[in-house]
N, C-alpha and C. Protein backbone atom coordinates (compact mmCIF):
# COMPACT_ATOMS: atom_id res chain seq x y z
N MET A 1 0.76 -0.95 -0.11
CA MET A 1 -0.06 0.09 0.22
C MET A 1 1.10 1.27 0.09
N THR A 2 0.35 2.24 -0.72
CA THR A 2 1.24 3.38 -0.98
C THR A 2 0.92 4.28 0.49
N SER A 3 1.39 5.49 1.06
CA SER A 3 1.05 6.09 2.03
C SER A 3 0.33 7.27 1.73
N THR A 4 -0.45 7.61 0.33
CA THR A 4 -1.20 8.70 -0.09
C THR A 4 -2.40 8.01 -0.45
N ILE A 5 -3.55 8.99 0.27
CA ILE A 5 -4.96 8.46 0.05
C ILE A 5 -5.17 8.62 -1.70
N SER A 6 -6.01 7.38 -1.97
CA SER A 6 -6.16 7.44 -3.46
C SER A 6 -7.13 8.50 -3.76
N GLN A 7 -7.10 9.04 -5.10
CA GLN A 7 -8.17 9.83 -5.57
C GLN A 7 -9.66 9.37 -5.37
N GLU A 8 -9.83 8.22 -5.71
CA GLU A 8 -10.96 7.51 -5.30
C GLU A 8 -11.54 7.65 -4.09
N ILE A 9 -10.63 7.37 -2.97
CA ILE A 9 -11.26 7.70 -1.57
C ILE A 9 -11.49 9.17 -1.21
N GLU A 10 -10.68 10.10 -1.87
CA GLU A 10 -10.68 11.49 -1.81
C GLU A 10 -12.12 11.93 -2.33
N ASP A 11 -12.30 11.49 -3.60
CA ASP A 11 -13.65 11.78 -4.15
C ASP A 11 -14.83 11.19 -3.34
N ALA A 12 -14.67 9.93 -2.95
CA ALA A 12 -15.78 9.39 -2.23
C ALA A 12 -16.31 10.30 -0.76
N THR A 13 -14.77 10.90 -0.16
CA THR A 13 -15.12 11.22 1.20
C THR A 13 -15.74 12.99 0.73
N THR A 14 -15.31 13.51 -0.04
CA THR A 14 -15.82 14.83 -0.76
C THR A 14 -17.53 14.43 -0.91
N ASP A 15 -17.72 13.69 -1.68
CA ASP A 15 -19.23 13.27 -2.09
C ASP A 15 -19.97 12.98 -0.75
N GLY A 16 -19.42 12.37 0.07
CA GLY A 16 -20.13 11.98 1.50
C GLY A 16 -20.46 13.29 2.35
N VAL A 17 -19.48 14.14 2.42
CA VAL A 17 -19.37 15.42 2.93
C VAL A 17 -20.29 16.21 2.42
N LYS A 18 -20.40 16.39 1.12
CA LYS A 18 -21.36 16.98 0.42
C LYS A 18 -22.89 16.63 0.64
N ALA A 19 -23.02 15.48 0.61
CA ALA A 19 -24.22 14.81 0.75
C ALA A 19 -25.01 14.97 2.25
N ILE A 20 -23.95 15.07 3.39
CA ILE A 20 -24.10 15.31 4.44
C ILE A 20 -24.83 17.02 4.71
N ALA A 21 -23.82 17.86 4.10
CA ALA A 21 -23.89 19.44 4.13
C ALA A 21 -25.27 19.53 3.49
N MET A 22 -25.46 19.07 2.44
CA MET A 22 -26.90 19.32 1.55
C MET A 22 -28.04 18.88 2.44
N SER A 23 -27.97 17.74 3.18
CA SER A 23 -29.03 17.09 3.81
C SER A 23 -29.19 18.21 4.95
N LEU A 24 -28.20 18.63 5.91
CA LEU A 24 -28.45 19.59 6.68
C LEU A 24 -28.73 20.81 6.38
N ALA A 25 -28.52 21.24 5.50
CA ALA A 25 -28.86 22.80 4.87
C ALA A 25 -30.66 22.40 4.48
N THR A 26 -30.95 21.52 3.60
CA THR A 26 -32.33 21.00 3.20
C THR A 26 -33.07 20.84 4.44
N GLN A 27 -32.65 20.05 5.61
CA GLN A 27 -33.59 19.91 6.93
C GLN A 27 -33.87 21.44 7.53
N ASP A 28 -32.59 22.25 7.51
CA ASP A 28 -32.72 23.59 8.07
C ASP A 28 -33.81 24.33 7.63
N GLN A 29 -33.95 24.55 5.89
CA GLN A 29 -34.81 25.04 5.02
C GLN A 29 -36.25 24.55 5.26
N LEU A 30 -36.41 23.36 5.48
CA LEU A 30 -38.02 22.67 5.47
C LEU A 30 -38.36 22.62 6.91
N THR A 31 -37.85 22.92 7.91
CA THR A 31 -38.28 22.63 9.29
C THR A 31 -37.56 23.86 10.16
N ASP A 32 -38.35 23.93 11.02
CA ASP A 32 -38.19 25.01 12.07
C ASP A 32 -37.53 24.20 13.21
N LEU A 33 -35.92 24.77 13.29
CA LEU A 33 -35.39 23.69 14.21
C LEU A 33 -34.95 24.60 15.61
N SER A 34 -35.48 25.76 15.61
CA SER A 34 -35.59 26.54 16.72
C SER A 34 -35.73 25.87 18.15
N LYS A 35 -37.11 25.07 18.28
CA LYS A 35 -37.36 24.24 19.30
C LYS A 35 -36.34 23.58 19.85
N PHE A 36 -35.82 22.73 18.62
CA PHE A 36 -35.04 21.57 18.95
C PHE A 36 -33.63 21.79 19.57
N LYS A 37 -33.35 23.31 18.94
CA LYS A 37 -32.00 23.57 19.50
C LYS A 37 -31.99 24.06 20.80
N GLU A 38 -33.16 24.53 21.30
CA GLU A 38 -33.22 25.10 22.54
C GLU A 38 -33.25 23.87 23.75
N LYS A 39 -33.53 22.75 23.32
CA LYS A 39 -33.76 21.75 24.17
C LYS A 39 -32.58 20.95 24.29
N LEU A 40 -31.70 21.15 23.23
CA LEU A 40 -30.52 20.37 23.02
C LEU A 40 -29.42 20.48 24.09
N ASP A 41 -29.01 19.34 24.69
CA ASP A 41 -27.94 19.88 25.80
C ASP A 41 -26.80 19.15 25.08
N THR A 42 -25.24 19.28 25.79
CA THR A 42 -24.07 19.09 25.38
C THR A 42 -24.00 17.68 24.91
N GLN A 43 -24.34 16.84 25.75
CA GLN A 43 -24.41 15.29 25.48
C GLN A 43 -24.92 15.12 23.97
N ALA A 44 -26.27 15.45 24.07
CA ALA A 44 -27.10 15.08 22.95
C ALA A 44 -26.18 15.87 21.69
N GLY A 45 -25.84 16.95 21.86
CA GLY A 45 -25.10 17.54 20.45
C GLY A 45 -23.87 16.83 20.12
N ARG A 46 -23.01 16.27 21.30
CA ARG A 46 -22.14 15.36 20.98
C ARG A 46 -22.58 14.16 20.21
N ASN A 47 -23.61 13.58 20.66
CA ASN A 47 -24.38 12.38 20.18
C ASN A 47 -24.56 12.66 18.60
N ASN A 48 -25.11 13.80 18.50
CA ASN A 48 -25.68 14.02 16.99
C ASN A 48 -24.39 14.26 16.19
N TYR A 49 -23.11 14.55 16.65
CA TYR A 49 -21.97 15.02 15.62
C TYR A 49 -21.42 13.69 15.54
N CYS A 50 -21.38 12.58 16.63
CA CYS A 50 -20.87 11.31 16.33
C CYS A 50 -21.60 10.69 15.06
N LYS A 51 -22.84 10.71 15.21
CA LYS A 51 -24.05 9.96 14.50
C LYS A 51 -23.55 10.42 12.81
N THR A 52 -23.30 11.64 12.89
CA THR A 52 -22.94 12.24 11.72
C THR A 52 -21.63 11.70 10.94
N VAL A 53 -20.69 11.63 11.96
CA VAL A 53 -19.18 10.89 11.73
C VAL A 53 -19.48 9.62 11.17
N LEU A 54 -20.41 9.06 11.88
CA LEU A 54 -20.42 7.72 11.62
C LEU A 54 -21.13 7.35 10.14
N LEU A 55 -21.98 8.18 10.03
CA LEU A 55 -22.65 8.29 8.63
C LEU A 55 -21.67 8.13 7.48
N LEU A 56 -20.75 9.37 7.70
CA LEU A 56 -20.15 9.52 6.96
C LEU A 56 -18.92 8.31 6.58
N TRP A 57 -18.57 7.72 7.74
CA TRP A 57 -17.81 6.38 7.51
C TRP A 57 -18.42 5.34 6.97
N GLY A 58 -19.74 5.35 7.14
CA GLY A 58 -20.59 4.43 6.54
C GLY A 58 -20.60 4.46 4.73
N MET A 59 -20.70 5.84 4.63
CA MET A 59 -20.49 5.97 3.22
C MET A 59 -19.16 5.46 2.76
N LEU A 60 -18.11 5.45 3.26
CA LEU A 60 -16.61 5.12 2.77
C LEU A 60 -16.65 3.52 3.15
N ASP A 61 -17.21 2.89 3.97
CA ASP A 61 -17.00 1.61 4.32
C ASP A 61 -16.48 0.43 3.37
N TRP A 62 -16.97 0.50 2.14
CA TRP A 62 -16.18 -0.16 0.80
C TRP A 62 -14.87 0.04 1.01
N HIS A 63 -14.38 1.29 0.64
CA HIS A 63 -13.10 1.53 1.04
C HIS A 63 -12.17 1.26 1.81
N LEU A 64 -13.03 1.43 2.96
CA LEU A 64 -12.10 1.17 4.38
C LEU A 64 -11.87 -0.26 4.56
N GLN A 65 -12.64 -1.26 3.64
CA GLN A 65 -12.62 -2.57 4.01
C GLN A 65 -11.29 -3.12 3.17
N GLN A 66 -10.95 -1.90 2.11
CA GLN A 66 -9.80 -2.28 1.16
C GLN A 66 -8.41 -2.02 1.28
N VAL A 67 -8.30 -1.51 2.28
CA VAL A 67 -7.10 -0.83 3.10
C VAL A 67 -6.35 -1.39 4.39
N ASP A 68 -5.00 -1.27 4.46
CA ASP A 68 -4.42 -2.00 5.51
C ASP A 68 -4.60 -0.95 6.86
N ASP A 69 -4.18 -1.21 8.16
CA ASP A 69 -4.44 -0.61 9.30
C ASP A 69 -4.07 1.02 9.35
N ALA A 70 -2.84 1.32 8.64
CA ALA A 70 -2.45 2.36 8.76
C ALA A 70 -3.04 3.39 7.87
N MET A 71 -3.68 2.77 6.58
CA MET A 71 -4.08 3.81 5.84
C MET A 71 -5.61 3.89 6.09
N PHE A 72 -6.10 2.82 6.91
CA PHE A 72 -7.44 3.07 7.51
C PHE A 72 -7.81 4.35 8.44
N ASN A 73 -6.55 4.48 9.47
CA ASN A 73 -6.32 5.27 10.44
C ASN A 73 -6.24 6.86 9.66
N ARG A 74 -5.60 6.94 8.26
CA ARG A 74 -5.24 8.22 7.83
C ARG A 74 -6.67 8.66 7.11
N ILE A 75 -7.17 7.53 6.54
CA ILE A 75 -8.72 7.76 5.87
C ILE A 75 -9.86 8.43 7.10
N LEU A 76 -9.53 7.65 8.14
CA LEU A 76 -10.64 8.49 9.29
C LEU A 76 -10.29 9.56 9.51
N LEU A 77 -9.10 10.10 9.68
CA LEU A 77 -8.42 11.42 9.85
C LEU A 77 -8.90 12.33 8.80
N PHE A 78 -8.46 12.00 7.73
CA PHE A 78 -8.77 12.58 6.59
C PHE A 78 -10.19 13.13 6.48
N SER A 79 -11.04 12.15 6.51
CA SER A 79 -12.36 12.20 6.47
C SER A 79 -12.96 13.25 7.29
N LEU A 80 -12.43 13.25 8.99
CA LEU A 80 -13.02 13.96 9.81
C LEU A 80 -12.46 15.48 9.62
N THR A 81 -11.36 15.52 8.87
CA THR A 81 -10.73 16.93 8.56
C THR A 81 -11.61 17.65 7.41
N VAL A 82 -11.91 16.90 6.65
CA VAL A 82 -12.93 17.50 5.54
C VAL A 82 -14.21 17.63 5.78
N LEU A 83 -14.87 16.89 6.96
CA LEU A 83 -16.04 17.15 7.32
C LEU A 83 -16.03 18.22 8.47
N ASN A 84 -15.05 18.36 9.33
CA ASN A 84 -15.13 19.75 10.08
C ASN A 84 -14.94 20.94 9.45
N GLN A 85 -14.09 20.81 8.25
CA GLN A 85 -13.82 21.92 7.42
C GLN A 85 -15.34 22.35 6.81
N VAL A 86 -15.95 21.70 6.37
CA VAL A 86 -17.31 22.18 5.98
C VAL A 86 -18.19 22.31 7.03
N LEU A 87 -18.47 21.95 7.85
CA LEU A 87 -19.32 21.91 8.80
C LEU A 87 -19.05 23.33 9.82
N ASN A 88 -17.62 23.96 9.55
CA ASN A 88 -17.13 25.08 10.46
C ASN A 88 -17.51 26.37 9.46
N ARG A 89 -17.97 26.28 8.00
CA ARG A 89 -18.37 27.26 7.25
C ARG A 89 -19.57 28.30 7.80
N LYS A 90 -19.56 29.22 7.44
CA LYS A 90 -20.33 30.39 8.19
C LYS A 90 -21.64 29.92 7.78
N GLU A 91 -21.98 29.39 6.76
CA GLU A 91 -23.41 29.02 6.28
C GLU A 91 -24.12 27.99 7.29
N PHE A 92 -23.28 27.31 8.07
CA PHE A 92 -23.32 26.14 8.96
C PHE A 92 -23.46 26.29 10.33
N ASN A 93 -22.98 27.87 10.73
CA ASN A 93 -22.90 27.95 12.06
C ASN A 93 -24.20 28.01 12.63
N HIS A 94 -25.50 28.21 12.45
CA HIS A 94 -26.66 28.37 13.20
C HIS A 94 -26.85 26.60 13.22
N ILE A 95 -26.68 25.95 12.26
CA ILE A 95 -27.14 24.54 12.45
C ILE A 95 -26.29 23.72 13.34
N LEU A 96 -25.11 24.22 13.53
CA LEU A 96 -24.03 23.49 14.35
C LEU A 96 -24.48 23.52 15.92
N LEU A 97 -25.06 24.73 15.79
CA LEU A 97 -25.55 24.93 17.21
C LEU A 97 -26.21 23.63 18.04
N ALA A 98 -27.13 22.96 16.95
CA ALA A 98 -27.67 21.93 17.21
C ALA A 98 -26.73 20.37 17.22
N LEU A 99 -25.63 20.78 16.62
CA LEU A 99 -24.95 19.48 16.62
C LEU A 99 -23.60 19.51 17.97
N ILE A 100 -23.34 20.64 18.48
CA ILE A 100 -22.28 20.62 19.63
C ILE A 100 -22.86 20.81 20.68
């Protein structure tokens, strides 16, 4: 195995993060989350974030099954970095209140 993440895995990660971001943005536009945000405590926010991460890793499952342990760990860290960079954008600040 090489030490670089393949373009196929980078593309799959990007596509997964885009799908999650579009889902969050669409949900925010279609529903009123204000009551949900008011009732959310820190533990529930962390749980929601973890579920979002697990969803992304589920999208990458096939790729994760094909790599060795070192690359597996690199892909997990890479995918989290990409996800967090997207979720830290200004457009998602109000949505993130419900996630953290």
